[in-house]
Amino acid sequence: MKTAELIRGMGIVNGTRALLAVNQHDGFDCQSCAWPSPDGDRHTFEFCENGAKAVADEVTPKRCDPAFFRSHSIEQLGRQTDHWLNAQGRLTEPMILRPGATFYEPIGWYESLRADGSRAQRARFAR
C-alpha cells in the first residue's frame, strides 16, 4: 500500500531513487527506526517495511491545511486511528491548540518558535 502511495506521490523513478537512498552513505538515514548504519559496506536495500512507509509519508502530495483543522475538532481527531490521521497528509503551517479551544488553529512561524522556546525554557528550570 505505502509503496503504491510512494509511486503516486513521486513517480516510479523518483520513488525508487528515494528508497535506494535510505541508509546509504550518500543518502539519508531512515526516519522510522534505529536501523544500524555500518561504516563499511551497505546493502542496496538497506530499509525495512516501516522505512518504506516513512519515506512514502514524507513525500506524499496530500496536505492538511487550516481548512482541515477547522472542520475536525480535537474530539473528532481523537477518535481516529493513527493510520487515518497520517493518511490525511502533511501540515502546511504550524498549528496550535489554545487553552480551552476545541479546534487547532494556525499560528505564525515566529510565534510558534517563541512558544516552543518558552516551553523548553520552563521545562529546563522545572527540574
Protein backbone atom coordinates (compact mmCIF):
# COMPACT_ATOMS: atom_id res chain seq x y z
CA MET A 1 0.00 0.00 0.00
CA LYS A 2 2.65 2.55 1.03
CA THR A 3 4.84 1.64 -1.94
CA ALA A 4 1.91 2.45 -4.22
CA GLU A 5 1.47 5.77 -2.39
CA LEU A 6 5.18 6.48 -2.80
CA ILE A 7 4.94 5.84 -6.53
CA ARG A 8 1.81 8.01 -6.83
CA GLY A 9 3.49 10.78 -4.84
CA MET A 10 6.86 10.77 -6.58
CA GLY A 11 6.53 8.59 -9.64
CA ILE A 12 8.19 5.21 -10.13
CA VAL A 13 11.67 6.54 -10.96
CA ASN A 14 11.90 9.15 -8.19
CA GLY A 15 10.19 6.84 -5.69
CA THR A 16 12.70 4.08 -6.42
CA ARG A 17 15.58 6.57 -6.15
CA ALA A 18 14.30 7.68 -2.74
CA LEU A 19 14.13 4.10 -1.46
CA LEU A 20 17.60 3.34 -2.81
CA ALA A 21 18.98 6.34 -0.87
CA VAL A 22 17.68 5.17 2.53
CA ASN A 23 20.56 4.35 4.92
CA GLN A 24 23.20 4.84 2.23
CA HIS A 25 26.48 6.75 2.64
CA ASP A 26 25.37 9.40 0.13
CA GLY A 27 21.67 9.16 1.04
CA PHE A 28 19.78 9.73 4.28
CA ASP A 29 19.11 7.82 7.49
CA CYS A 30 15.78 6.11 7.92
CA GLN A 31 13.45 8.36 9.88
CA SER A 32 11.42 5.39 11.10
CA CYS A 33 13.81 3.42 13.27
CA ALA A 34 17.27 2.94 14.63
CA TRP A 35 18.49 0.76 11.77
CA PRO A 36 22.23 0.42 12.22
CA SER A 37 24.29 2.36 9.72
CA PRO A 38 27.58 0.49 9.46
CA ASP A 39 30.63 2.39 8.31
CA GLY A 40 31.54 -0.40 5.89
CA ASP A 41 29.57 -1.90 3.05
CA ARG A 42 25.83 -1.43 2.94
CA HIS A 43 23.25 -3.40 1.02
CA THR A 44 21.31 -1.85 -1.84
CA PHE A 45 18.01 -2.23 0.00
CA GLU A 46 19.00 -1.06 3.48
CA PHE A 47 15.50 -0.43 4.85
CA CYS A 48 12.53 -2.30 6.25
CA GLU A 49 8.80 -2.03 5.56
CA ASN A 50 8.43 0.73 8.14
CA GLY A 51 11.26 2.64 6.48
CA ALA A 52 9.48 2.44 3.12
CA LYS A 53 6.30 3.66 4.81
CA ALA A 54 8.16 6.57 6.40
CA VAL A 55 9.61 7.64 3.04
CA ALA A 56 6.15 7.44 1.45
CA ASP A 57 4.71 9.56 4.27
CA GLU A 58 7.41 12.19 3.79
CA VAL A 59 6.81 12.59 0.06
CA THR A 60 3.02 12.46 -0.01
CA PRO A 61 1.41 15.24 -2.03
CA LYS A 62 -1.52 15.28 0.45
CA ARG A 63 -1.70 18.34 2.70
CA CYS A 64 -3.52 19.22 5.94
CA ASP A 65 -4.22 22.92 5.71
CA PRO A 66 -6.11 25.15 8.17
CA ALA A 67 -9.42 24.23 6.49
CA PHE A 68 -8.87 20.60 7.52
CA PHE A 69 -8.44 21.64 11.15
CA ARG A 70 -11.45 23.98 11.06
CA SER A 71 -13.61 21.02 10.05
CA HIS A 72 -12.19 18.46 12.55
CA SER A 73 -12.41 19.09 16.29
CA ILE A 74 -9.93 17.67 18.80
CA GLU A 75 -12.62 15.22 19.87
CA GLN A 76 -13.17 14.04 16.27
CA LEU A 77 -9.43 13.72 15.63
CA GLY A 78 -9.01 11.80 18.89
CA ARG A 79 -11.43 9.12 17.67
CA GLN A 80 -9.40 8.44 14.52
CA THR A 81 -6.69 5.81 14.14
CA ASP A 82 -3.06 6.78 13.69
CA HIS A 83 -3.27 5.35 10.17
CA TRP A 84 -6.21 7.60 9.26
CA LEU A 85 -4.56 10.68 10.78
CA ASN A 86 -1.30 10.04 8.96
CA ALA A 87 -3.10 9.43 5.67
CA GLN A 88 -4.57 12.95 5.72
CA GLY A 89 -1.24 14.46 4.69
CA ARG A 90 1.43 16.85 5.86
CA LEU A 91 0.93 20.07 7.80
CA THR A 92 1.18 23.21 5.69
CA GLU A 93 1.93 25.55 8.60
CA PRO A 94 2.30 25.45 12.39
CA MET A 95 -0.88 24.82 14.34
CA ILE A 96 -1.74 25.40 17.99
CA LEU A 97 -4.40 24.24 20.41
CA ARG A 98 -5.04 27.18 22.69
CA PRO A 99 -6.25 26.58 26.28
CA GLY A 100 -9.97 25.80 26.28
CA ALA A 101 -10.17 25.54 22.47
CA THR A 102 -11.73 22.59 20.68
CA PHE A 103 -10.02 23.14 17.31
CA TYR A 104 -6.42 23.62 16.28
CA GLU A 105 -5.73 26.98 14.64
CA PRO A 106 -2.87 28.35 12.54
CA ILE A 107 -0.05 30.13 14.30
CA GLY A 108 2.72 32.13 12.66
CA TRP A 109 6.23 30.69 12.48
CA TYR A 110 7.70 33.35 14.76
CA GLU A 111 5.01 32.87 17.41
CA SER A 112 5.35 29.09 17.10
CA LEU A 113 9.09 29.17 17.67
CA ARG A 114 8.72 31.64 20.52
CA ALA A 115 6.05 29.48 22.22
CA ASP A 116 8.16 26.34 21.74
CA GLY A 117 11.18 28.11 23.21
CA SER A 118 9.15 29.22 26.22
CA ARG A 119 8.03 25.63 26.89
CA ALA A 120 11.61 24.39 26.57
CA GLN A 121 12.82 27.10 28.95
CA ARG A 122 10.13 26.22 31.54
CA ALA A 123 10.98 22.52 31.25
CA ARG A 124 14.67 23.28 31.78
CA PHE A 125 14.01 25.14 35.04
CA ALA A 126 11.34 22.69 36.26
CA ARG A 127 13.93 20.07 37.26
